[in-house]
N, C-alpha and C. Protein backbone atom coordinates (compact mmCIF):
# COMPACT_ATOMS: atom_id res chain seq x y z
N UNK A 1 -18.42 -6.76 21.81
CA UNK A 1 -18.36 -7.57 20.60
C UNK A 1 -17.46 -6.86 19.59
N UNK A 2 -16.66 -7.62 18.87
CA UNK A 2 -15.70 -7.07 17.91
C UNK A 2 -16.42 -6.56 16.68
N UNK A 3 -15.88 -5.50 16.11
CA UNK A 3 -16.36 -4.96 14.85
C UNK A 3 -16.24 -6.03 13.78
N UNK A 4 -17.13 -6.02 12.78
CA UNK A 4 -17.08 -7.03 11.72
C UNK A 4 -15.76 -7.00 10.97
N UNK A 5 -15.12 -5.85 10.88
CA UNK A 5 -13.87 -5.73 10.13
C UNK A 5 -12.64 -5.95 10.99
N UNK A 6 -12.82 -6.34 12.23
CA UNK A 6 -11.70 -6.55 13.13
C UNK A 6 -11.75 -7.97 13.67
N UNK A 7 -10.62 -8.66 13.60
CA UNK A 7 -10.54 -9.99 14.18
C UNK A 7 -10.39 -9.87 15.68
N UNK A 8 -10.41 -10.96 16.38
CA UNK A 8 -10.35 -10.97 17.84
C UNK A 8 -9.07 -10.41 18.40
N UNK A 9 -7.99 -10.41 17.65
CA UNK A 9 -6.71 -9.92 18.16
C UNK A 9 -6.51 -8.42 17.93
N UNK A 10 -7.52 -7.73 17.46
CA UNK A 10 -7.42 -6.29 17.25
C UNK A 10 -6.86 -5.89 15.90
N UNK A 11 -6.43 -6.85 15.12
CA UNK A 11 -5.90 -6.56 13.78
C UNK A 11 -7.06 -6.50 12.80
N UNK A 12 -6.92 -5.68 11.75
CA UNK A 12 -7.99 -5.63 10.73
C UNK A 12 -8.14 -6.98 10.04
N UNK A 13 -9.36 -7.25 9.61
CA UNK A 13 -9.62 -8.46 8.84
C UNK A 13 -8.76 -8.42 7.58
N UNK A 14 -8.21 -9.56 7.20
CA UNK A 14 -7.37 -9.62 6.01
C UNK A 14 -8.30 -9.73 4.80
N UNK A 15 -8.27 -8.67 4.00
CA UNK A 15 -9.00 -8.63 2.74
C UNK A 15 -8.01 -8.16 1.68
N UNK A 16 -8.41 -8.22 0.44
CA UNK A 16 -7.53 -7.73 -0.62
C UNK A 16 -7.23 -6.25 -0.39
N UNK A 17 -8.24 -5.49 -0.01
CA UNK A 17 -8.06 -4.06 0.22
C UNK A 17 -7.10 -3.77 1.36
N UNK A 18 -7.25 -4.47 2.50
CA UNK A 18 -6.34 -4.22 3.61
C UNK A 18 -4.92 -4.67 3.26
N UNK A 19 -4.80 -5.72 2.46
CA UNK A 19 -3.50 -6.21 2.04
C UNK A 19 -2.77 -5.17 1.19
N UNK A 20 -3.46 -4.63 0.16
CA UNK A 20 -2.78 -3.65 -0.69
C UNK A 20 -2.54 -2.33 0.05
N UNK A 21 -3.45 -1.98 0.96
CA UNK A 21 -3.22 -0.77 1.75
C UNK A 21 -2.02 -0.93 2.67
N UNK A 22 -1.79 -2.13 3.16
CA UNK A 22 -0.61 -2.39 3.99
C UNK A 22 0.67 -2.20 3.18
N UNK A 23 0.69 -2.73 1.97
CA UNK A 23 1.86 -2.56 1.10
C UNK A 23 2.02 -1.08 0.75
N UNK A 24 0.91 -0.42 0.46
CA UNK A 24 0.95 1.00 0.15
C UNK A 24 1.45 1.84 1.31
N UNK A 25 1.06 1.50 2.53
CA UNK A 25 1.54 2.21 3.71
C UNK A 25 3.05 2.03 3.87
N UNK A 26 3.52 0.83 3.62
CA UNK A 26 4.97 0.59 3.67
C UNK A 26 5.69 1.43 2.63
N UNK A 27 5.11 1.53 1.44
CA UNK A 27 5.72 2.33 0.38
C UNK A 27 5.78 3.81 0.79
N UNK A 28 4.76 4.31 1.45
CA UNK A 28 4.77 5.70 1.90
C UNK A 28 5.88 5.94 2.92
N UNK A 29 6.10 4.98 3.80
CA UNK A 29 7.20 5.09 4.76
C UNK A 29 8.52 5.08 4.00
N UNK A 30 8.65 4.17 3.04
CA UNK A 30 9.88 4.04 2.26
C UNK A 30 10.15 5.28 1.40
N UNK A 31 9.09 5.95 0.99
CA UNK A 31 9.24 7.18 0.22
C UNK A 31 9.56 8.38 1.10
N UNK A 32 9.51 8.18 2.42
CA UNK A 32 9.76 9.28 3.33
C UNK A 32 8.59 10.24 3.43
N UNK A 33 7.40 9.77 3.10
CA UNK A 33 6.20 10.60 3.15
C UNK A 33 5.56 10.61 4.54
N UNK A 34 5.73 9.53 5.26
CA UNK A 34 5.17 9.42 6.62
C UNK A 34 6.24 8.80 7.52
N UNK A 35 6.18 9.06 8.82
CA UNK A 35 7.19 8.48 9.71
C UNK A 35 7.03 6.96 9.84
N UNK A 36 8.15 6.31 10.08
CA UNK A 36 8.15 4.88 10.36
C UNK A 36 7.33 4.66 11.63
N UNK A 37 6.35 3.75 11.61
CA UNK A 37 5.50 3.57 12.78
C UNK A 37 6.24 3.06 14.02
N UNK A 38 7.32 2.34 13.84
CA UNK A 38 8.07 1.80 14.98
C UNK A 38 9.00 2.83 15.59
N UNK A 39 9.73 3.56 14.74
CA UNK A 39 10.72 4.49 15.26
C UNK A 39 10.22 5.93 15.34
N UNK A 40 9.20 6.25 14.57
CA UNK A 40 8.72 7.62 14.51
C UNK A 40 9.59 8.51 13.65
N UNK A 41 10.63 7.95 13.07
CA UNK A 41 11.58 8.70 12.24
C UNK A 41 11.12 8.73 10.78
N UNK A 42 11.44 9.83 10.12
CA UNK A 42 11.21 9.91 8.68
C UNK A 42 12.42 9.25 8.02
N UNK A 43 12.16 8.28 7.18
CA UNK A 43 13.23 7.55 6.51
C UNK A 43 12.90 7.49 5.03
N UNK A 44 13.91 7.43 4.20
CA UNK A 44 13.69 7.31 2.77
C UNK A 44 14.55 6.18 2.22
N UNK A 45 13.90 5.25 1.54
CA UNK A 45 14.58 4.14 0.90
C UNK A 45 13.87 3.94 -0.45
N UNK A 46 14.35 4.67 -1.46
CA UNK A 46 13.67 4.66 -2.75
C UNK A 46 13.73 3.31 -3.45
N UNK A 47 14.78 2.55 -3.22
CA UNK A 47 14.87 1.21 -3.80
C UNK A 47 13.76 0.31 -3.23
N UNK A 48 13.58 0.36 -1.93
CA UNK A 48 12.51 -0.43 -1.29
C UNK A 48 11.14 0.08 -1.73
N UNK A 49 10.99 1.39 -1.87
CA UNK A 49 9.72 1.96 -2.32
C UNK A 49 9.37 1.46 -3.72
N UNK A 50 10.36 1.46 -4.61
CA UNK A 50 10.13 0.96 -5.97
C UNK A 50 9.73 -0.51 -5.94
N UNK A 51 10.35 -1.27 -5.06
CA UNK A 51 10.02 -2.69 -4.95
C UNK A 51 8.55 -2.86 -4.50
N UNK A 52 8.13 -2.08 -3.52
CA UNK A 52 6.74 -2.15 -3.06
C UNK A 52 5.78 -1.75 -4.17
N UNK A 53 6.11 -0.71 -4.92
CA UNK A 53 5.27 -0.28 -6.05
C UNK A 53 5.23 -1.37 -7.12
N UNK A 54 6.35 -2.01 -7.36
CA UNK A 54 6.40 -3.12 -8.33
C UNK A 54 5.53 -4.30 -7.88
N UNK A 55 5.51 -4.57 -6.59
CA UNK A 55 4.65 -5.65 -6.07
C UNK A 55 3.19 -5.31 -6.33
N UNK A 56 2.80 -4.07 -6.04
CA UNK A 56 1.42 -3.65 -6.29
C UNK A 56 1.09 -3.71 -7.79
N UNK A 57 2.03 -3.35 -8.63
CA UNK A 57 1.83 -3.42 -10.09
C UNK A 57 1.63 -4.86 -10.54
N UNK A 58 2.42 -5.76 -9.99
CA UNK A 58 2.27 -7.17 -10.32
C UNK A 58 0.90 -7.68 -9.88
N UNK A 59 0.48 -7.29 -8.68
CA UNK A 59 -0.85 -7.70 -8.20
C UNK A 59 -1.94 -7.14 -9.10
N UNK A 60 -1.77 -5.91 -9.55
CA UNK A 60 -2.75 -5.31 -10.45
C UNK A 60 -2.86 -6.12 -11.73
N UNK A 61 -1.74 -6.49 -12.29
CA UNK A 61 -1.72 -7.27 -13.54
C UNK A 61 -2.34 -8.65 -13.34
N UNK A 62 -1.98 -9.32 -12.25
CA UNK A 62 -2.43 -10.69 -12.02
C UNK A 62 -3.90 -10.78 -11.63
N UNK A 63 -4.47 -9.70 -11.10
CA UNK A 63 -5.84 -9.74 -10.60
C UNK A 63 -6.81 -8.91 -11.43
N UNK A 64 -6.38 -8.42 -12.59
CA UNK A 64 -7.20 -7.46 -13.33
C UNK A 64 -8.57 -7.98 -13.75
N UNK A 65 -8.74 -9.29 -13.87
CA UNK A 65 -10.04 -9.82 -14.29
C UNK A 65 -10.89 -10.36 -13.15
N UNK A 66 -10.39 -10.29 -11.92
CA UNK A 66 -11.15 -10.91 -10.83
C UNK A 66 -11.44 -9.97 -9.66
N UNK A 67 -11.11 -8.70 -9.79
CA UNK A 67 -11.36 -7.77 -8.70
C UNK A 67 -12.76 -7.18 -8.78
N UNK A 68 -13.31 -6.87 -7.61
CA UNK A 68 -14.56 -6.11 -7.57
C UNK A 68 -14.22 -4.67 -7.95
N UNK A 69 -15.21 -3.92 -8.38
CA UNK A 69 -14.97 -2.55 -8.84
C UNK A 69 -14.29 -1.68 -7.79
N UNK A 70 -14.72 -1.77 -6.54
CA UNK A 70 -14.11 -0.93 -5.50
C UNK A 70 -12.66 -1.34 -5.23
N UNK A 71 -12.35 -2.62 -5.32
CA UNK A 71 -10.97 -3.08 -5.16
C UNK A 71 -10.09 -2.58 -6.31
N UNK A 72 -10.61 -2.66 -7.52
CA UNK A 72 -9.87 -2.18 -8.69
C UNK A 72 -9.61 -0.69 -8.58
N UNK A 73 -10.62 0.07 -8.20
CA UNK A 73 -10.46 1.52 -8.08
C UNK A 73 -9.45 1.86 -6.99
N UNK A 74 -9.49 1.17 -5.87
CA UNK A 74 -8.55 1.40 -4.78
C UNK A 74 -7.12 1.13 -5.25
N UNK A 75 -6.90 0.01 -5.91
CA UNK A 75 -5.57 -0.36 -6.38
C UNK A 75 -5.08 0.63 -7.44
N UNK A 76 -5.94 0.99 -8.37
CA UNK A 76 -5.56 1.95 -9.41
C UNK A 76 -5.16 3.29 -8.80
N UNK A 77 -5.95 3.79 -7.88
CA UNK A 77 -5.68 5.08 -7.25
C UNK A 77 -4.42 5.02 -6.40
N UNK A 78 -4.27 3.96 -5.63
CA UNK A 78 -3.09 3.79 -4.78
C UNK A 78 -1.82 3.76 -5.63
N UNK A 79 -1.84 2.98 -6.70
CA UNK A 79 -0.67 2.90 -7.56
C UNK A 79 -0.36 4.23 -8.24
N UNK A 80 -1.37 4.92 -8.70
CA UNK A 80 -1.15 6.21 -9.34
C UNK A 80 -0.48 7.17 -8.35
N UNK A 81 -1.04 7.26 -7.14
CA UNK A 81 -0.50 8.17 -6.13
C UNK A 81 0.94 7.81 -5.76
N UNK A 82 1.21 6.54 -5.55
CA UNK A 82 2.57 6.12 -5.18
C UNK A 82 3.55 6.37 -6.32
N UNK A 83 3.14 6.09 -7.54
CA UNK A 83 4.03 6.33 -8.69
C UNK A 83 4.36 7.81 -8.83
N UNK A 84 3.37 8.68 -8.63
CA UNK A 84 3.62 10.12 -8.74
C UNK A 84 4.58 10.58 -7.64
N UNK A 85 4.40 10.09 -6.43
CA UNK A 85 5.30 10.45 -5.33
C UNK A 85 6.72 9.94 -5.61
N UNK A 86 6.82 8.73 -6.16
CA UNK A 86 8.13 8.17 -6.49
C UNK A 86 8.82 9.01 -7.56
N UNK A 87 8.09 9.38 -8.59
CA UNK A 87 8.66 10.20 -9.67
C UNK A 87 9.15 11.53 -9.10
N UNK A 88 8.38 12.15 -8.25
CA UNK A 88 8.79 13.43 -7.66
C UNK A 88 10.06 13.28 -6.83
N UNK A 89 10.21 12.15 -6.15
CA UNK A 89 11.39 11.91 -5.31
C UNK A 89 12.64 11.62 -6.14
N UNK A 90 12.44 11.09 -7.34
CA UNK A 90 13.59 10.68 -8.15
C UNK A 90 13.95 11.71 -9.21
N UNK A 91 13.29 12.84 -9.24
CA UNK A 91 13.62 13.90 -10.20
C UNK A 91 14.92 14.55 -9.85
């Protein structure tokens, strides 16, 4: 039987948290913090990373009154961490 958080195809259930974590994971690849999952190569694309961070910022602004506390905390922490990594890369 499949885990409650996993759909039948093996992919995680789509929730707000998994959605923002997916964008955050892409930003980490774009920042060159983790290897690209397809190629295994470390790549850096700061323009794309900034775009991903901007998307998360927009989501934060648009959802600030309707998130559960754990979702808000996850988004706040994720954005803070990504912004700090971006700033360090652009110094």
